[in-house]
C-alpha cells in the first residue's frame, strides 16, 4: 500500500486495450514517475496522466495558426481550384501544351498543327471580338468538343469540376488575364432563320461570299480553285492553309451558329473578323467586279437576286440608318452561312480524308 505523501502516481484503468501510441505515453509517464520518486521530486502538473475523459490531454500539438470560420473563403476556394486544375493539366494537357503552357510539350514536335501557346493570350475560337480574350465558356466548349482535324481531342466525359478547374489553371499562364478580362466584347449570335436551305437564300449567300473576298483564300468553288492566297503563317510562324468547305469538319463547329460566330469573330492570327458594316456593304453594283472568273450561267443566276441588295455604297452608308444596316448585315450573315452549308455534304470523316468525290446536295 502506498503512503499518502508518496510521489508515486497511480494510473487509471482502461476498459479497452490501448493502441501503441497510448501505450508509449503510459510507459513514458511511468518512467517519469519512478524517476521523480527516486529523486524526491514530484512531476509537474503538465506531466500528469490523462484522465479517462481526456486521454490525450498530455500530448503537445503543433502551434497551428488558424482563422475564424468564414475568413478568406474566396482565397481558399481559388487556391483549391487551381491545385485541382494543375493536377488535371498534368494528366491531360502537359504532353502537348508544355509544363509552362507555351505549347512546347514533348509531343508538340511531332504535330503538324502546333498546340496553343497559352502564354500569349491569343485564341482562335472565341465568342468575343477579334482583339479580346475568350470567355470561359469558349474554353469549356473547346475542351468538351475538341478540334477537328488536329490533335486536340474532345473530353466530353471529363467531370465538370475538372473542366472548370483546368480552365482556371490555363488562365494563369497569361499574366494579364485578370487585367484584360473586363475588356472582352461578346459577339451576339441571333437565332438562325428557318429557311437556311432555301435556294434563293443560298444564291444571295453566294453573292456575299464573292464580294467579301472569301474566294481569294477558299477558292471560287469553296475548295480552293482560283484562290490567290493558298498558304500563310499564323502568329507563331506555323504554316496554315485555307479550309476546303466541301469536306471535313469545321474546327469551330458545324452548326449554323458556329459558322455565324466564326465570320463575326474571325480566327485570330489567321482569319479576319467581318463586322456588321463590312457584311452590310454588299451591293448590286459590286457584283460585276467579282463575276469575271465565274461561268456565264452562274452569273445569270446571281443577277436574279441582285434586287435584294442595295444599289451601291451610298445606299448603304448614306441613306440607311444604323438599325437598317444591322438588319442587312444579319441577313447577309445568314445568307453566307446558308451558302457554306450548301457546299457541304453529309459524308463520313473517312470519306473526307480519302478524298472521295461528292455531289452537291
Protein backbone atom coordinates (compact mmCIF):
# COMPACT_ATOMS: atom_id res chain seq x y z
CA UNK A 1 0.00 0.00 0.00
CA UNK A 2 1.37 3.42 -0.94
CA UNK A 3 1.73 6.12 1.69
CA UNK A 4 -0.49 9.24 1.13
CA UNK A 5 2.52 11.53 0.74
CA UNK A 6 4.29 9.22 -1.70
CA UNK A 7 5.24 10.84 -5.05
CA UNK A 8 4.34 7.67 -6.96
CA UNK A 9 1.26 8.25 -9.11
CA UNK A 10 -1.22 5.51 -9.96
CA UNK A 11 -2.70 5.24 -13.46
CA UNK A 12 -6.43 4.84 -14.14
CA UNK A 13 -7.51 1.53 -15.54
CA UNK A 14 -8.78 1.47 -19.16
CA UNK A 15 -11.59 -0.75 -20.34
CA UNK A 16 -10.05 -1.39 -23.76
CA UNK A 17 -6.59 -2.34 -24.84
CA UNK A 18 -4.65 0.89 -25.58
CA UNK A 19 -3.20 1.45 -29.06
CA UNK A 20 0.55 1.64 -29.50
CA UNK A 21 0.90 5.44 -29.26
CA UNK A 22 -1.10 5.47 -25.99
CA UNK A 23 0.95 2.57 -24.62
CA UNK A 24 4.13 4.52 -25.33
CA UNK A 25 2.73 7.52 -23.48
CA UNK A 26 1.82 5.36 -20.48
CA UNK A 27 5.33 3.89 -20.32
CA UNK A 28 6.79 7.38 -20.54
CA UNK A 29 4.63 8.58 -17.64
CA UNK A 30 5.59 5.54 -15.55
CA UNK A 31 9.27 6.14 -16.18
CA UNK A 32 8.92 9.79 -15.24
CA UNK A 33 7.06 8.95 -12.07
CA UNK A 34 9.64 6.42 -10.99
CA UNK A 35 12.48 8.86 -11.67
CA UNK A 36 10.63 11.51 -9.70
CA UNK A 37 10.20 9.13 -6.81
CA UNK A 38 13.91 8.31 -6.78
CA UNK A 39 14.93 11.96 -6.86
CA UNK A 40 12.37 13.06 -4.32
CA UNK A 41 10.72 15.44 -6.79
CA UNK A 42 7.07 15.45 -7.79
CA UNK A 43 6.43 15.63 -11.53
CA UNK A 44 4.94 18.94 -12.71
CA UNK A 45 1.17 19.06 -13.34
CA UNK A 46 1.68 19.00 -17.15
CA UNK A 47 3.23 15.56 -16.88
CA UNK A 48 0.23 14.17 -15.04
CA UNK A 49 -1.51 11.25 -16.74
CA UNK A 50 -4.55 11.89 -18.88
CA UNK A 51 -7.92 11.27 -17.33
CA UNK A 52 -10.41 8.77 -18.66
CA UNK A 53 -12.44 11.61 -20.17
CA UNK A 54 -9.45 13.29 -21.92
CA UNK A 55 -6.89 10.53 -22.57
CA UNK A 56 -4.78 12.71 -24.94
CA UNK A 57 -4.65 15.84 -22.80
CA UNK A 58 -0.90 15.49 -22.21
CA UNK A 59 0.04 15.35 -25.94
CA UNK A 60 1.63 18.57 -27.20
CA UNK A 61 0.31 19.57 -30.64
CA UNK A 62 1.99 21.89 -33.13
CA UNK A 63 1.09 25.55 -32.72
CA UNK A 64 -1.16 25.87 -35.81
CA UNK A 65 -2.30 29.32 -36.89
CA UNK A 66 -5.97 29.22 -37.78
CA UNK A 67 -8.54 31.74 -38.96
CA UNK A 68 -12.06 32.37 -37.84
CA UNK A 69 -14.76 30.44 -39.72
CA UNK A 70 -15.60 32.24 -42.95
CA UNK A 71 -12.35 34.19 -43.20
CA UNK A 72 -10.52 34.08 -46.55
CA UNK A 73 -13.13 31.80 -48.10
CA UNK A 74 -12.58 33.21 -51.60
CA UNK A 75 -8.83 32.79 -51.37
CA UNK A 76 -9.08 29.23 -50.11
CA UNK A 77 -11.59 28.23 -52.77
CA UNK A 78 -9.46 29.78 -55.51
CA UNK A 79 -6.29 28.08 -54.25
CA UNK A 80 -8.02 24.70 -54.08
CA UNK A 81 -9.45 25.18 -57.57
CA UNK A 82 -6.03 25.97 -59.02
CA UNK A 83 -4.45 23.00 -57.27
CA UNK A 84 -7.08 20.71 -58.76
CA UNK A 85 -6.66 22.38 -62.15
CA UNK A 86 -2.90 21.82 -62.03
CA UNK A 87 -3.43 18.10 -61.48
CA UNK A 88 -5.89 17.91 -64.37
CA UNK A 89 -3.48 19.84 -66.61
CA UNK A 90 -0.62 17.45 -65.78
CA UNK A 91 -2.87 14.50 -66.55
CA UNK A 92 -4.34 15.61 -69.89
CA UNK A 93 -2.63 18.72 -71.27
CA UNK A 94 1.05 18.95 -70.40
CA UNK A 95 2.17 16.48 -73.09
CA UNK A 96 1.23 18.90 -75.87
CA UNK A 97 0.92 22.34 -74.28
CA UNK A 98 4.00 22.00 -72.07
CA UNK A 99 4.73 22.50 -68.41
CA UNK A 100 4.69 26.28 -68.77
CA UNK A 101 1.71 26.46 -71.14
CA UNK A 102 3.88 27.68 -74.03
CA UNK A 103 2.88 24.90 -76.44
CA UNK A 104 6.29 23.24 -76.14
CA UNK A 105 5.22 19.86 -74.79
CA UNK A 106 7.18 16.74 -75.66
CA UNK A 107 4.56 15.73 -78.27
CA UNK A 108 4.47 19.14 -79.99
CA UNK A 109 7.45 18.43 -82.22
CA UNK A 110 5.52 15.62 -83.93
CA UNK A 111 2.35 17.61 -84.56
CA UNK A 112 1.67 19.41 -87.84
CA UNK A 113 -0.72 21.88 -86.25
CA UNK A 114 1.11 23.07 -83.15
CA UNK A 115 -0.58 23.19 -79.73
CA UNK A 116 -1.86 26.52 -78.45
CA UNK A 117 0.63 28.73 -76.62
CA UNK A 118 -1.43 29.92 -73.65
CA UNK A 119 1.15 32.49 -72.56
CA UNK A 120 0.29 34.83 -75.47
CA UNK A 121 -3.41 35.20 -74.69
CA UNK A 122 -4.26 34.60 -78.38
CA UNK A 123 -7.15 32.24 -79.03
CA UNK A 124 -8.79 31.40 -82.35
CA UNK A 125 -12.10 30.01 -81.16
CA UNK A 126 -14.00 32.64 -79.21
CA UNK A 127 -17.39 34.27 -78.92
CA UNK A 128 -15.68 37.62 -78.38
CA UNK A 129 -14.36 40.18 -80.84
CA UNK A 130 -11.02 39.65 -82.54
CA UNK A 131 -8.94 41.65 -80.06
CA UNK A 132 -10.41 40.13 -76.89
CA UNK A 133 -9.68 37.19 -74.68
CA UNK A 134 -12.15 34.31 -74.98
CA UNK A 135 -14.89 33.66 -72.48
CA UNK A 136 -14.52 30.80 -70.05
CA UNK A 137 -17.46 29.21 -71.91
CA UNK A 138 -15.34 29.23 -75.07
CA UNK A 139 -12.56 27.27 -73.39
CA UNK A 140 -15.17 24.92 -71.96
CA UNK A 141 -16.60 24.35 -75.44
CA UNK A 142 -13.18 23.59 -76.92
CA UNK A 143 -12.30 21.15 -74.14
CA UNK A 144 -15.64 19.37 -74.46
CA UNK A 145 -15.80 19.23 -78.26
CA UNK A 146 -12.14 19.13 -79.16
CA UNK A 147 -10.94 20.50 -82.51
CA UNK A 148 -11.46 18.57 -85.72
CA UNK A 149 -8.54 17.69 -87.98
CA UNK A 150 -5.90 18.48 -85.37
CA UNK A 151 -4.57 16.68 -82.29
CA UNK A 152 -6.81 18.44 -79.78
CA UNK A 153 -9.12 15.63 -78.59
CA UNK A 154 -12.58 16.03 -77.15
CA UNK A 155 -13.15 15.42 -73.43
CA UNK A 156 -16.93 15.07 -73.17
CA UNK A 157 -16.65 12.64 -70.25
CA UNK A 158 -14.30 14.78 -68.17
CA UNK A 159 -16.08 15.65 -64.89
CA UNK A 160 -17.49 19.16 -64.77
CA UNK A 161 -15.43 20.18 -61.75
CA UNK A 162 -12.23 19.13 -63.53
CA UNK A 163 -13.10 21.17 -66.63
CA UNK A 164 -13.77 24.27 -64.57
CA UNK A 165 -10.59 23.75 -62.57
CA UNK A 166 -8.29 23.28 -65.57
CA UNK A 167 -9.81 26.34 -67.27
CA UNK A 168 -8.88 28.46 -64.26
CA UNK A 169 -5.39 27.00 -64.28
CA UNK A 170 -4.91 27.63 -68.02
CA UNK A 171 -5.82 31.28 -67.49
CA UNK A 172 -2.87 31.72 -65.11
CA UNK A 173 -0.39 31.18 -67.97
CA UNK A 174 -1.33 34.59 -69.40
CA UNK A 175 -0.29 37.13 -66.74
CA UNK A 176 -2.64 39.87 -67.95
CA UNK A 177 -5.81 37.80 -67.97
CA UNK A 178 -7.33 39.45 -64.90
CA UNK A 179 -6.38 42.87 -66.25
CA UNK A 180 -7.93 42.34 -69.69
CA UNK A 181 -10.93 40.15 -68.95
CA UNK A 182 -13.24 43.12 -68.35
CA UNK A 183 -12.46 44.44 -71.85
CA UNK A 184 -13.98 41.41 -73.57
CA UNK A 185 -16.73 42.26 -76.03
CA UNK A 186 -19.18 39.46 -76.75
CA UNK A 187 -20.39 38.93 -80.30
CA UNK A 188 -24.13 38.26 -80.17
CA UNK A 189 -25.41 35.31 -82.20
CA UNK A 190 -29.10 35.52 -83.11
CA UNK A 191 -31.39 32.58 -83.75
CA UNK A 192 -30.86 31.03 -87.20
CA UNK A 193 -33.69 31.59 -89.69
CA UNK A 194 -35.83 28.63 -90.66
CA UNK A 195 -35.13 28.97 -94.39
CA UNK A 196 -31.36 28.34 -94.35
CA UNK A 197 -31.72 25.68 -97.03
CA UNK A 198 -33.78 27.92 -99.32
CA UNK A 199 -32.31 28.15 -102.84
CA UNK A 200 -32.88 31.89 -103.08
CA UNK A 201 -31.04 32.49 -99.80
CA UNK A 202 -28.17 30.30 -100.94
CA UNK A 203 -27.81 32.38 -104.11
CA UNK A 204 -27.68 35.56 -102.05
CA UNK A 205 -25.07 33.88 -99.88
CA UNK A 206 -23.01 33.19 -102.98
CA UNK A 207 -23.05 36.93 -103.78
CA UNK A 208 -21.93 37.72 -100.23
CA UNK A 209 -19.19 35.05 -100.45
CA UNK A 210 -17.75 36.59 -103.61
CA UNK A 211 -17.96 40.23 -102.52
CA UNK A 212 -16.49 39.54 -99.08
CA UNK A 213 -13.39 38.14 -100.80
CA UNK A 214 -13.79 34.63 -99.37
CA UNK A 215 -12.79 33.18 -102.75
CA UNK A 216 -9.30 34.68 -102.55
CA UNK A 217 -8.42 32.09 -99.88
CA UNK A 218 -11.09 29.38 -100.17
CA UNK A 219 -11.47 29.46 -103.95
CA UNK A 220 -14.44 30.21 -106.18
CA UNK A 221 -15.83 26.75 -105.51
CA UNK A 222 -15.10 26.64 -101.77
CA UNK A 223 -12.40 24.01 -102.25
CA UNK A 224 -9.53 26.25 -103.35
CA UNK A 225 -9.98 26.63 -107.12
CA UNK A 226 -8.74 30.02 -108.31
CA UNK A 227 -7.55 31.06 -104.86
CA UNK A 228 -4.84 33.72 -104.83
CA UNK A 229 -3.66 33.09 -101.27
CA UNK A 230 -3.15 29.43 -100.59
CA UNK A 231 -0.59 29.48 -97.77
CA UNK A 232 0.18 31.79 -94.89
CA UNK A 233 1.57 31.66 -91.36
CA UNK A 234 -0.07 32.26 -88.01
CA UNK A 235 1.15 34.40 -85.12
CA UNK A 236 3.63 31.71 -84.07
CA UNK A 237 5.15 31.24 -87.52
CA UNK A 238 3.39 27.96 -88.23
CA UNK A 239 2.23 27.33 -91.84
CA UNK A 240 -1.53 27.31 -92.42
CA UNK A 241 -3.79 26.53 -95.38
CA UNK A 242 -7.34 27.75 -96.06
CA UNK A 243 -10.09 25.28 -95.32
CA UNK A 244 -11.87 23.27 -98.00
CA UNK A 245 -15.53 23.86 -97.23
CA UNK A 246 -16.64 20.81 -99.19
CA UNK A 247 -15.09 18.20 -96.90
CA UNK A 248 -14.17 17.59 -93.30
CA UNK A 249 -15.46 19.08 -90.08
CA UNK A 250 -15.08 22.74 -89.24
CA UNK A 251 -12.82 23.30 -86.26
CA UNK A 252 -15.13 25.86 -84.70
CA UNK A 253 -18.17 23.62 -85.10
CA UNK A 254 -20.53 22.62 -87.90
CA UNK A 255 -23.77 24.13 -86.58
CA UNK A 256 -25.15 27.28 -88.27
CA UNK A 257 -24.48 29.27 -85.10
CA UNK A 258 -20.84 28.11 -85.10
CA UNK A 259 -20.31 29.27 -88.69
CA UNK A 260 -22.02 32.60 -87.99
CA UNK A 261 -19.80 33.12 -84.95
CA UNK A 262 -16.64 32.41 -86.94
CA UNK A 263 -17.47 35.07 -89.54
CA UNK A 264 -18.05 37.71 -86.90
CA UNK A 265 -15.21 36.86 -84.52
CA UNK A 266 -12.64 35.68 -87.04
CA UNK A 267 -9.94 33.15 -86.26
CA UNK A 268 -7.39 35.33 -84.58
CA UNK A 269 -3.98 35.28 -86.28
CA UNK A 270 -5.19 33.53 -89.46
CA UNK A 271 -8.65 34.81 -90.49
CA UNK A 272 -10.03 38.35 -90.10
CA UNK A 273 -13.35 39.12 -88.49
CA UNK A 274 -16.19 40.58 -90.51
CA UNK A 275 -18.11 43.22 -88.60
CA UNK A 276 -21.62 44.46 -89.21
CA UNK A 277 -20.75 47.36 -91.51
CA UNK A 278 -18.50 45.12 -93.61
CA UNK A 279 -21.18 42.49 -94.07
CA UNK A 280 -23.74 45.18 -94.86
CA UNK A 281 -21.58 46.57 -97.70
CA UNK A 282 -22.68 44.01 -100.30
CA UNK A 283 -24.22 45.89 -103.22
CA UNK A 284 -25.66 45.22 -106.65
CA UNK A 285 -23.01 47.22 -108.48
CA UNK A 286 -20.24 45.34 -106.67
CA UNK A 287 -21.12 42.01 -108.25
CA UNK A 288 -19.69 42.87 -111.67
CA UNK A 289 -16.19 43.15 -110.24
CA UNK A 290 -16.24 39.57 -108.94
CA UNK A 291 -18.10 37.68 -111.69
CA UNK A 292 -15.33 37.83 -114.29
CA UNK A 293 -14.00 34.42 -113.27
CA UNK A 294 -17.27 32.53 -112.90
CA UNK A 295 -19.33 30.82 -115.58
CA UNK A 296 -21.92 32.82 -117.52
CA UNK A 297 -24.77 30.55 -116.40
CA UNK A 298 -23.98 31.15 -112.74
CA UNK A 299 -23.55 34.88 -113.31
CA UNK A 300 -27.05 34.96 -114.80
CA UNK A 301 -28.44 33.16 -111.72
CA UNK A 302 -26.77 35.64 -109.39
CA UNK A 303 -28.17 38.60 -111.29
CA UNK A 304 -31.61 37.29 -110.41
CA UNK A 305 -31.08 38.11 -106.72
CA UNK A 306 -29.35 41.49 -107.12
CA UNK A 307 -32.59 43.35 -106.48
CA UNK A 308 -32.40 42.09 -102.89
CA UNK A 309 -29.25 44.17 -102.33
CA UNK A 310 -28.74 47.95 -102.10
CA UNK A 311 -27.73 49.53 -105.38
CA UNK A 312 -24.40 50.98 -104.22
CA UNK A 313 -22.36 52.08 -101.24
CA UNK A 314 -24.19 55.37 -100.87
CA UNK A 315 -27.45 53.48 -100.46
CA UNK A 316 -25.94 51.62 -97.52
CA UNK A 317 -23.97 54.31 -95.71
CA UNK A 318 -25.71 57.44 -96.93
CA UNK A 319 -29.39 56.55 -96.90
CA UNK A 320 -29.73 53.71 -94.36
CA UNK A 321 -29.86 54.25 -90.64
CA UNK A 322 -27.75 52.21 -88.25
CA UNK A 323 -30.55 49.81 -87.34
CA UNK A 324 -31.26 49.15 -91.04
CA UNK A 325 -27.59 48.38 -91.67
CA UNK A 326 -27.58 45.99 -88.72
CA UNK A 327 -30.60 44.15 -90.10
CA UNK A 328 -28.98 43.94 -93.51
CA UNK A 329 -25.69 42.70 -92.03
CA UNK A 330 -27.53 39.99 -90.08
CA UNK A 331 -29.42 38.87 -93.18
CA UNK A 332 -26.22 38.78 -95.25
CA UNK A 333 -24.51 36.81 -92.48
CA UNK A 334 -27.15 34.10 -92.51
CA UNK A 335 -27.11 34.12 -96.32
CA UNK A 336 -23.39 33.39 -96.17
CA UNK A 337 -23.98 30.60 -93.63
CA UNK A 338 -26.61 29.18 -95.96
CA UNK A 339 -24.16 29.12 -98.86
CA UNK A 340 -21.39 27.48 -96.79
CA UNK A 341 -23.81 24.78 -95.66
CA UNK A 342 -24.79 24.22 -99.31
CA UNK A 343 -21.15 23.42 -100.11
CA UNK A 344 -21.06 20.65 -97.55
CA UNK A 345 -22.45 17.14 -97.79
CA UNK A 346 -23.20 14.50 -95.14
CA UNK A 347 -20.13 12.33 -95.65
CA UNK A 348 -18.09 10.39 -93.16
CA UNK A 349 -14.76 11.64 -91.92
CA UNK A 350 -13.09 8.68 -93.62
CA UNK A 351 -14.56 9.66 -96.98
CA UNK A 352 -13.40 13.24 -96.47
CA UNK A 353 -9.88 12.14 -95.60
CA UNK A 354 -9.69 9.73 -98.51
CA UNK A 355 -10.84 12.39 -100.93
CA UNK A 356 -13.96 10.64 -102.18
CA UNK A 357 -15.72 12.80 -104.74
CA UNK A 358 -19.10 14.06 -103.58
CA UNK A 359 -22.04 15.57 -105.35
CA UNK A 360 -23.53 18.76 -104.02
CA UNK A 361 -26.72 18.27 -102.11
